[in-house]
Amino acid sequence: MKYRPCEHVDWKTFDGESVLLNLATGYYFRLNQVATFILPLLDGQHHLGEIIDRVVARFRVSQRQAQRDVQDFIGQLLAEKLIRKA
């Protein structure tokens, strides 16, 4: 599965963390270092498995932990209508 940001979403990165803004609602979300790493990979080009593998390599966590964390993050973004399936 591949995902991409919705058109009404923008983000900026500062000091290793990102702020994601829903332009339609005005709500913003502060992202931690791992979420900041994942966000650019949600560009419609990267499969979920590839994103998980990159998280494992970058943060040296187990495959199981990375899968759970990435899927939880994507689930939150989908629930807030900040990303969509590509």
PDB file of N, CA and C in Angstrom:
ATOM      1  N   MET A   1       0.843  -1.177   0.000  1.00  0.00           N
ATOM      2  CA  MET A   1       0.000   0.000   0.000  1.00  0.00           C
ATOM      3  C   MET A   1       0.888   1.239   0.000  1.00  0.00           C
ATOM      4  N   LYS A   2       0.470   2.245  -0.744  1.00  0.00           N
ATOM      5  CA  LYS A   2       1.174   3.529  -0.810  1.00  0.00           C
ATOM      6  C   LYS A   2       0.211   4.625  -0.367  1.00  0.00           C
ATOM      7  N   TYR A   3       0.764   5.670   0.251  1.00  0.00           N
ATOM      8  CA  TYR A   3      -0.039   6.782   0.748  1.00  0.00           C
ATOM      9  C   TYR A   3       0.581   8.096   0.301  1.00  0.00           C
ATOM     10  N   ARG A   4      -0.249   9.116   0.265  1.00  0.00           N
ATOM     11  CA  ARG A   4       0.221  10.459  -0.079  1.00  0.00           C
ATOM     12  C   ARG A   4      -0.578  11.476   0.736  1.00  0.00           C
ATOM     13  N   PRO A   5      -0.011  12.662   0.962  1.00  0.00           N
ATOM     14  CA  PRO A   5      -0.732  13.689   1.720  1.00  0.00           C
ATOM     15  C   PRO A   5      -1.960  14.174   0.929  1.00  0.00           C
ATOM     16  N   CYS A   6      -2.971  14.566   1.656  1.00  0.00           N
ATOM     17  CA  CYS A   6      -4.119  15.203   1.027  1.00  0.00           C
ATOM     18  C   CYS A   6      -3.717  16.610   0.597  1.00  0.00           C
ATOM     19  N   GLU A   7      -4.462  17.171  -0.322  1.00  0.00           N
ATOM     20  CA  GLU A   7      -4.128  18.472  -0.890  1.00  0.00           C
ATOM     21  C   GLU A   7      -4.186  19.599   0.139  1.00  0.00           C
ATOM     22  N   HIS A   8      -4.960  19.424   1.181  1.00  0.00           N
ATOM     23  CA  HIS A   8      -5.148  20.477   2.184  1.00  0.00           C
ATOM     24  C   HIS A   8      -4.173  20.345   3.363  1.00  0.00           C
ATOM     25  N   VAL A   9      -3.035  19.697   3.132  1.00  0.00           N
ATOM     26  CA  VAL A   9      -2.048  19.466   4.193  1.00  0.00           C
ATOM     27  C   VAL A   9      -0.715  20.091   3.808  1.00  0.00           C
ATOM     28  N   ASP A  10      -0.103  20.724   4.784  1.00  0.00           N
ATOM     29  CA  ASP A  10       1.241  21.280   4.604  1.00  0.00           C
ATOM     30  C   ASP A  10       2.033  20.968   5.865  1.00  0.00           C
ATOM     31  N   TRP A  11       3.360  20.928   5.741  1.00  0.00           N
ATOM     32  CA  TRP A  11       4.180  20.727   6.931  1.00  0.00           C
ATOM     33  C   TRP A  11       5.502  21.449   6.791  1.00  0.00           C
ATOM     34  N   LYS A  12       6.059  21.742   7.952  1.00  0.00           N
ATOM     35  CA  LYS A  12       7.368  22.377   8.051  1.00  0.00           C
ATOM     36  C   LYS A  12       8.169  21.600   9.082  1.00  0.00           C
ATOM     37  N   THR A  13       9.481  21.533   8.873  1.00  0.00           N
ATOM     38  CA  THR A  13      10.367  20.842   9.798  1.00  0.00           C
ATOM     39  C   THR A  13      11.299  21.844  10.463  1.00  0.00           C
ATOM     40  N   PHE A  14      11.419  21.725  11.790  1.00  0.00           N
ATOM     41  CA  PHE A  14      12.285  22.580  12.599  1.00  0.00           C
ATOM     42  C   PHE A  14      13.045  21.704  13.584  1.00  0.00           C
ATOM     43  N   ASP A  15      14.355  21.776  13.574  1.00  0.00           N
ATOM     44  CA  ASP A  15      15.174  21.077  14.560  1.00  0.00           C
ATOM     45  C   ASP A  15      14.809  19.599  14.712  1.00  0.00           C
ATOM     46  N   GLY A  16      14.575  18.911  13.601  1.00  0.00           N
ATOM     47  CA  GLY A  16      14.324  17.479  13.643  1.00  0.00           C
ATOM     48  C   GLY A  16      12.903  17.074  13.965  1.00  0.00           C
ATOM     49  N   GLU A  17      12.025  18.032  14.178  1.00  0.00           N
ATOM     50  CA  GLU A  17      10.610  17.745  14.397  1.00  0.00           C
ATOM     51  C   GLU A  17       9.794  18.521  13.368  1.00  0.00           C
ATOM     52  N   SER A  18       8.605  18.024  13.095  1.00  0.00           N
ATOM     53  CA  SER A  18       7.753  18.671  12.101  1.00  0.00           C
ATOM     54  C   SER A  18       6.444  19.115  12.716  1.00  0.00           C
ATOM     55  N   VAL A  19       5.876  20.118  12.094  1.00  0.00           N
ATOM     56  CA  VAL A  19       4.520  20.546  12.387  1.00  0.00           C
ATOM     57  C   VAL A  19       3.719  20.335  11.114  1.00  0.00           C
ATOM     58  N   LEU A  20       2.645  19.577  11.240  1.00  0.00           N
ATOM     59  CA  LEU A  20       1.790  19.261  10.113  1.00  0.00           C
ATOM     60  C   LEU A  20       0.512  20.076  10.281  1.00  0.00           C
ATOM     61  N   LEU A  21       0.093  20.769   9.246  1.00  0.00           N
ATOM     62  CA  LEU A  21      -1.054  21.665   9.315  1.00  0.00           C
ATOM     63  C   LEU A  21      -2.146  21.209   8.357  1.00  0.00           C
ATOM     64  N   ASN A  22      -3.344  21.060   8.891  1.00  0.00           N
ATOM     65  CA  ASN A  22      -4.521  20.793   8.066  1.00  0.00           C
ATOM     66  C   ASN A  22      -5.089  22.155   7.683  1.00  0.00           C
ATOM     67  N   LEU A  23      -4.856  22.573   6.448  1.00  0.00           N
ATOM     68  CA  LEU A  23      -5.277  23.898   5.987  1.00  0.00           C
ATOM     69  C   LEU A  23      -6.795  24.034   5.951  1.00  0.00           C
ATOM     70  N   ALA A  24      -7.512  22.909   5.844  1.00  0.00           N
ATOM     71  CA  ALA A  24      -8.972  22.947   5.785  1.00  0.00           C
ATOM     72  C   ALA A  24      -9.586  23.240   7.150  1.00  0.00           C
ATOM     73  N   THR A  25      -8.955  22.769   8.220  1.00  0.00           N
ATOM     74  CA  THR A  25      -9.526  22.932   9.554  1.00  0.00           C
ATOM     75  C   THR A  25      -8.747  23.909  10.434  1.00  0.00           C
ATOM     76  N   GLY A  26      -7.486  24.171  10.067  1.00  0.00           N
ATOM     77  CA  GLY A  26      -6.643  25.010  10.890  1.00  0.00           C
ATOM     78  C   GLY A  26      -5.960  24.260  12.018  1.00  0.00           C
ATOM     79  N   TYR A  27      -6.234  22.971  12.150  1.00  0.00           N
ATOM     80  CA  TYR A  27      -5.592  22.170  13.192  1.00  0.00           C
ATOM     81  C   TYR A  27      -4.166  21.835  12.788  1.00  0.00           C
ATOM     82  N   TYR A  28      -3.288  21.817  13.760  1.00  0.00           N
ATOM     83  CA  TYR A  28      -1.913  21.425  13.491  1.00  0.00           C
ATOM     84  C   TYR A  28      -1.508  20.308  14.445  1.00  0.00           C
ATOM     85  N   PHE A  29      -0.511  19.562  14.017  1.00  0.00           N
ATOM     86  CA  PHE A  29      -0.043  18.394  14.738  1.00  0.00           C
ATOM     87  C   PHE A  29       1.471  18.467  14.825  1.00  0.00           C
ATOM     88  N   ARG A  30       1.989  18.312  16.006  1.00  0.00           N
ATOM     89  CA  ARG A  30       3.439  18.296  16.207  1.00  0.00           C
ATOM     90  C   ARG A  30       3.914  16.850  16.118  1.00  0.00           C
ATOM     91  N   LEU A  31       4.911  16.610  15.283  1.00  0.00           N
ATOM     92  CA  LEU A  31       5.394  15.248  15.031  1.00  0.00           C
ATOM     93  C   LEU A  31       6.760  15.047  15.670  1.00  0.00           C
ATOM     94  N   ASN A  32       6.964  13.865  16.214  1.00  0.00           N
ATOM     95  CA  ASN A  32       8.263  13.544  16.802  1.00  0.00           C
ATOM     96  C   ASN A  32       9.265  13.180  15.709  1.00  0.00           C
ATOM     97  N   GLN A  33      10.454  12.787  16.118  1.00  0.00           N
ATOM     98  CA  GLN A  33      11.539  12.498  15.183  1.00  0.00           C
ATOM     99  C   GLN A  33      11.203  11.350  14.234  1.00  0.00           C
ATOM    100  N   VAL A  34      10.581  10.307  14.743  1.00  0.00           N
ATOM    101  CA  VAL A  34      10.249   9.158  13.887  1.00  0.00           C
ATOM    102  C   VAL A  34       9.170   9.541  12.886  1.00  0.00           C
ATOM    103  N   ALA A  35       8.141  10.220  13.337  1.00  0.00           N
ATOM    104  CA  ALA A  35       7.071  10.656  12.430  1.00  0.00           C
ATOM    105  C   ALA A  35       7.619  11.629  11.385  1.00  0.00           C
ATOM    106  N   THR A  36       8.544  12.485  11.790  1.00  0.00           N
ATOM    107  CA  THR A  36       9.187  13.415  10.859  1.00  0.00           C
ATOM    108  C   THR A  36       9.967  12.653   9.793  1.00  0.00           C
ATOM    109  N   PHE A  37      10.594  11.555  10.183  1.00  0.00           N
ATOM    110  CA  PHE A  37      11.324  10.711   9.231  1.00  0.00           C
ATOM    111  C   PHE A  37      10.357  10.036   8.250  1.00  0.00           C
ATOM    112  N   ILE A  38       9.208   9.593   8.737  1.00  0.00           N
ATOM    113  CA  ILE A  38       8.235   8.867   7.917  1.00  0.00           C
ATOM    114  C   ILE A  38       7.515   9.789   6.942  1.00  0.00           C
ATOM    115  N   LEU A  39       7.197  10.980   7.358  1.00  0.00           N
ATOM    116  CA  LEU A  39       6.334  11.875   6.585  1.00  0.00           C
ATOM    117  C   LEU A  39       6.751  12.054   5.127  1.00  0.00           C
ATOM    118  N   PRO A  40       8.016  12.326   4.811  1.00  0.00           N
ATOM    119  CA  PRO A  40       8.382  12.488   3.395  1.00  0.00           C
ATOM    120  C   PRO A  40       8.267  11.193   2.589  1.00  0.00           C
ATOM    121  N   LEU A  41       8.244  10.055   3.285  1.00  0.00           N
ATOM    122  CA  LEU A  41       8.100   8.771   2.592  1.00  0.00           C
ATOM    123  C   LEU A  41       6.654   8.496   2.203  1.00  0.00           C
ATOM    124  N   LEU A  42       5.747   9.299   2.717  1.00  0.00           N
ATOM    125  CA  LEU A  42       4.331   9.188   2.350  1.00  0.00           C
ATOM    126  C   LEU A  42       4.070  10.084   1.145  1.00  0.00           C
ATOM    127  N   ASP A  43       4.764   9.774   0.065  1.00  0.00           N
ATOM    128  CA  ASP A  43       4.734  10.592  -1.146  1.00  0.00           C
ATOM    129  C   ASP A  43       4.068   9.887  -2.322  1.00  0.00           C
ATOM    130  N   GLY A  44       3.454   8.757  -2.039  1.00  0.00           N
ATOM    131  CA  GLY A  44       2.810   7.992  -3.104  1.00  0.00           C
ATOM    132  C   GLY A  44       3.758   7.091  -3.861  1.00  0.00           C
ATOM    133  N   GLN A  45       5.030   7.109  -3.511  1.00  0.00           N
ATOM    134  CA  GLN A  45       6.035   6.316  -4.218  1.00  0.00           C
ATOM    135  C   GLN A  45       6.549   5.131  -3.403  1.00  0.00           C
ATOM    136  N   HIS A  46       6.409   5.193  -2.087  1.00  0.00           N
ATOM    137  CA  HIS A  46       6.979   4.175  -1.207  1.00  0.00           C
ATOM    138  C   HIS A  46       5.885   3.258  -0.657  1.00  0.00           C
ATOM    139  N   HIS A  47       6.104   1.964  -0.773  1.00  0.00           N
ATOM    140  CA  HIS A  47       5.185   0.979  -0.201  1.00  0.00           C
ATOM    141  C   HIS A  47       5.345   0.954   1.312  1.00  0.00           C
ATOM    142  N   LEU A  48       4.304   0.554   1.990  1.00  0.00           N
ATOM    143  CA  LEU A  48       4.313   0.455   3.444  1.00  0.00           C
ATOM    144  C   LEU A  48       5.485  -0.388   3.943  1.00  0.00           C
ATOM    145  N   GLY A  49       5.744  -1.525   3.305  1.00  0.00           N
ATOM    146  CA  GLY A  49       6.850  -2.389   3.710  1.00  0.00           C
ATOM    147  C   GLY A  49       8.192  -1.706   3.612  1.00  0.00           C
ATOM    148  N   GLU A  50       8.389  -0.907   2.587  1.00  0.00           N
ATOM    149  CA  GLU A  50       9.640  -0.166   2.416  1.00  0.00           C
ATOM    150  C   GLU A  50       9.807   0.873   3.521  1.00  0.00           C
ATOM    151  N   ILE A  51       8.725   1.546   3.879  1.00  0.00           N
ATOM    152  CA  ILE A  51       8.770   2.542   4.952  1.00  0.00           C
ATOM    153  C   ILE A  51       9.150   1.859   6.267  1.00  0.00           C
ATOM    154  N   ILE A  52       8.541   0.729   6.538  1.00  0.00           N
ATOM    155  CA  ILE A  52       8.855  -0.012   7.758  1.00  0.00           C
ATOM    156  C   ILE A  52      10.322  -0.415   7.770  1.00  0.00           C
ATOM    157  N   ASP A  53      10.816  -0.929   6.655  1.00  0.00           N
ATOM    158  CA  ASP A  53      12.230  -1.327   6.570  1.00  0.00           C
ATOM    159  C   ASP A  53      13.165  -0.148   6.822  1.00  0.00           C
ATOM    160  N   ARG A  54      12.805   1.010   6.316  1.00  0.00           N
ATOM    161  CA  ARG A  54      13.651   2.196   6.517  1.00  0.00           C
ATOM    162  C   ARG A  54      13.643   2.637   7.975  1.00  0.00           C
ATOM    163  N   VAL A  55      12.494   2.514   8.633  1.00  0.00           N
ATOM    164  CA  VAL A  55      12.419   2.853  10.058  1.00  0.00           C
ATOM    165  C   VAL A  55      13.298   1.894  10.862  1.00  0.00           C
ATOM    166  N   VAL A  56      13.246   0.606  10.532  1.00  0.00           N
ATOM    167  CA  VAL A  56      14.088  -0.392  11.213  1.00  0.00           C
ATOM    168  C   VAL A  56      15.559  -0.019  11.063  1.00  0.00           C
ATOM    169  N   ALA A  57      15.970   0.302   9.856  1.00  0.00           N
ATOM    170  CA  ALA A  57      17.373   0.622   9.589  1.00  0.00           C
ATOM    171  C   ALA A  57      17.808   1.925  10.264  1.00  0.00           C
ATOM    172  N   ARG A  58      16.971   2.924  10.233  1.00  0.00           N
ATOM    173  CA  ARG A  58      17.330   4.249  10.758  1.00  0.00           C
ATOM    174  C   ARG A  58      17.339   4.295  12.279  1.00  0.00           C
ATOM    175  N   PHE A  59      16.343   3.644  12.895  1.00  0.00           N
ATOM    176  CA  PHE A  59      16.179   3.773  14.341  1.00  0.00           C
ATOM    177  C   PHE A  59      16.553   2.507  15.109  1.00  0.00           C
ATOM    178  N   ARG A  60      16.979   1.490  14.380  1.00  0.00           N
ATOM    179  CA  ARG A  60      17.448   0.243  14.998  1.00  0.00           C
ATOM    180  C   ARG A  60      16.434  -0.334  15.981  1.00  0.00           C
ATOM    181  N   VAL A  61      15.209  -0.433  15.515  1.00  0.00           N
ATOM    182  CA  VAL A  61      14.140  -1.080  16.280  1.00  0.00           C
ATOM    183  C   VAL A  61      13.799  -2.386  15.589  1.00  0.00           C
ATOM    184  N   SER A  62      13.055  -3.231  16.267  1.00  0.00           N
ATOM    185  CA  SER A  62      12.671  -4.503  15.669  1.00  0.00           C
ATOM    186  C   SER A  62      11.655  -4.279  14.554  1.00  0.00           C
ATOM    187  N   GLN A  63      11.582  -5.243  13.671  1.00  0.00           N
ATOM    188  CA  GLN A  63      10.613  -5.193  12.576  1.00  0.00           C
ATOM    189  C   GLN A  63       9.194  -5.087  13.139  1.00  0.00           C
ATOM    190  N   ARG A  64       8.926  -5.864  14.174  1.00  0.00           N
ATOM    191  CA  ARG A  64       7.591  -5.868  14.793  1.00  0.00           C
ATOM    192  C   ARG A  64       7.253  -4.491  15.369  1.00  0.00           C
ATOM    193  N   GLN A  65       8.195  -3.894  16.086  1.00  0.00           N
ATOM    194  CA  GLN A  65       7.967  -2.580  16.682  1.00  0.00           C
ATOM    195  C   GLN A  65       7.767  -1.522  15.594  1.00  0.00           C
ATOM    196  N   ALA A  66       8.605  -1.548  14.572  1.00  0.00           N
ATOM    197  CA  ALA A  66       8.481  -0.579  13.482  1.00  0.00           C
ATOM    198  C   ALA A  66       7.146  -0.742  12.767  1.00  0.00           C
ATOM    199  N   GLN A  67       6.740  -1.968  12.512  1.00  0.00           N
ATOM    200  CA  GLN A  67       5.469  -2.199  11.832  1.00  0.00           C
ATOM    201  C   GLN A  67       4.311  -1.643  12.651  1.00  0.00           C
ATOM    202  N   ARG A  68       4.325  -1.916  13.940  1.00  0.00           N
ATOM    203  CA  ARG A  68       3.251  -1.426  14.814  1.00  0.00           C
ATOM    204  C   ARG A  68       3.234   0.104  14.830  1.00  0.00           C
ATOM    205  N   ASP A  69       4.410   0.711  15.002  1.00  0.00           N
ATOM    206  CA  ASP A  69       4.482   2.172  15.093  1.00  0.00           C
ATOM    207  C   ASP A  69       4.090   2.854  13.787  1.00  0.00           C
ATOM    208  N   VAL A  70       4.580   2.343  12.668  1.00  0.00           N
ATOM    209  CA  VAL A  70       4.256   2.939  11.368  1.00  0.00           C
ATOM    210  C   VAL A  70       2.767   2.788  11.077  1.00  0.00           C
ATOM    211  N   GLN A  71       2.217   1.618  11.331  1.00  0.00           N
ATOM    212  CA  GLN A  71       0.792   1.420  11.072  1.00  0.00           C
ATOM    213  C   GLN A  71      -0.073   2.288  11.982  1.00  0.00           C
ATOM    214  N   ASP A  72       0.337   2.453  13.238  1.00  0.00           N
ATOM    215  CA  ASP A  72      -0.408   3.338  14.142  1.00  0.00           C
ATOM    216  C   ASP A  72      -0.370   4.783  13.642  1.00  0.00           C
ATOM    217  N   PHE A  73       0.812   5.233  13.236  1.00  0.00           N
ATOM    218  CA  PHE A  73       0.955   6.602  12.739  1.00  0.00           C
ATOM    219  C   PHE A  73       0.111   6.816  11.489  1.00  0.00           C
ATOM    220  N   ILE A  74       0.188   5.895  10.551  1.00  0.00           N
ATOM    221  CA  ILE A  74      -0.604   6.004   9.325  1.00  0.00           C
ATOM    222  C   ILE A  74      -2.092   5.970   9.646  1.00  0.00           C
ATOM    223  N   GLY A  75      -2.476   5.125  10.571  1.00  0.00           N
ATOM    224  CA  GLY A  75      -3.883   5.067  10.989  1.00  0.00           C
ATOM    225  C   GLY A  75      -4.365   6.394  11.547  1.00  0.00           C
ATOM    226  N   GLN A  76      -3.520   7.048  12.339  1.00  0.00           N
ATOM    227  CA  GLN A  76      -3.879   8.356  12.888  1.00  0.00           C
ATOM    228  C   GLN A  76      -4.013   9.396  11.781  1.00  0.00           C
ATOM    229  N   LEU A  77      -3.085   9.379  10.835  1.00  0.00           N
ATOM    230  CA  LEU A  77      -3.149  10.330   9.724  1.00  0.00           C
ATOM    231  C   LEU A  77      -4.387  10.099   8.865  1.00  0.00           C
ATOM    232  N   LEU A  78      -4.729   8.835   8.633  1.00  0.00           N
ATOM    233  CA  LEU A  78      -5.939   8.515   7.868  1.00  0.00           C
ATOM    234  C   LEU A  78      -7.186   8.968   8.611  1.00  0.00           C
ATOM    235  N   ALA A  79      -7.229   8.738   9.911  1.00  0.00           N
ATOM    236  CA  ALA A  79      -8.396   9.113  10.715  1.00  0.00           C
ATOM    237  C   ALA A  79      -8.618  10.628  10.696  1.00  0.00           C
ATOM    238  N   GLU A  80      -7.530  11.378  10.653  1.00  0.00           N
ATOM    239  CA  GLU A  80      -7.617  12.839  10.607  1.00  0.00           C
ATOM    240  C   GLU A  80      -7.764  13.367   9.182  1.00  0.00           C
ATOM    241  N   LYS A  81      -7.801  12.449   8.213  1.00  0.00           N
ATOM    242  CA  LYS A  81      -7.927  12.802   6.792  1.00  0.00           C
ATOM    243  C   LYS A  81      -6.774  13.704   6.326  1.00  0.00           C
ATOM    244  N   LEU A  82      -5.563  13.338   6.768  1.00  0.00           N
ATOM    245  CA  LEU A  82      -4.375  14.079   6.386  1.00  0.00           C
ATOM    246  C   LEU A  82      -3.618  13.387   5.253  1.00  0.00           C
ATOM    247  N   ILE A  83      -3.823  12.100   5.099  1.00  0.00           N
ATOM    248  CA  ILE A  83      -3.262  11.344   3.980  1.00  0.00           C
ATOM    249  C   ILE A  83      -4.366  10.511   3.372  1.00  0.00           C
ATOM    250  N   ARG A  84      -4.062   9.989   2.185  1.00  0.00           N
ATOM    251  CA  ARG A  84      -5.004   9.108   1.494  1.00  0.00           C
ATOM    252  C   ARG A  84      -4.204   8.040   0.765  1.00  0.00           C
ATOM    253  N   LYS A  85      -4.878   6.986   0.362  1.00  0.00           N
ATOM    254  CA  LYS A  85      -4.210   5.951  -0.422  1.00  0.00           C
ATOM    255  C   LYS A  85      -3.815   6.529  -1.782  1.00  0.00           C
ATOM    256  N   ALA A  86      -2.626   6.177  -2.223  1.00  0.00           N
ATOM    257  CA  ALA A  86      -2.144   6.689  -3.508  1.00  0.00           C
ATOM    258  C   ALA A  86      -2.653   5.836  -4.647  1.00  0.00           C
TER     259      ALA A  86
END
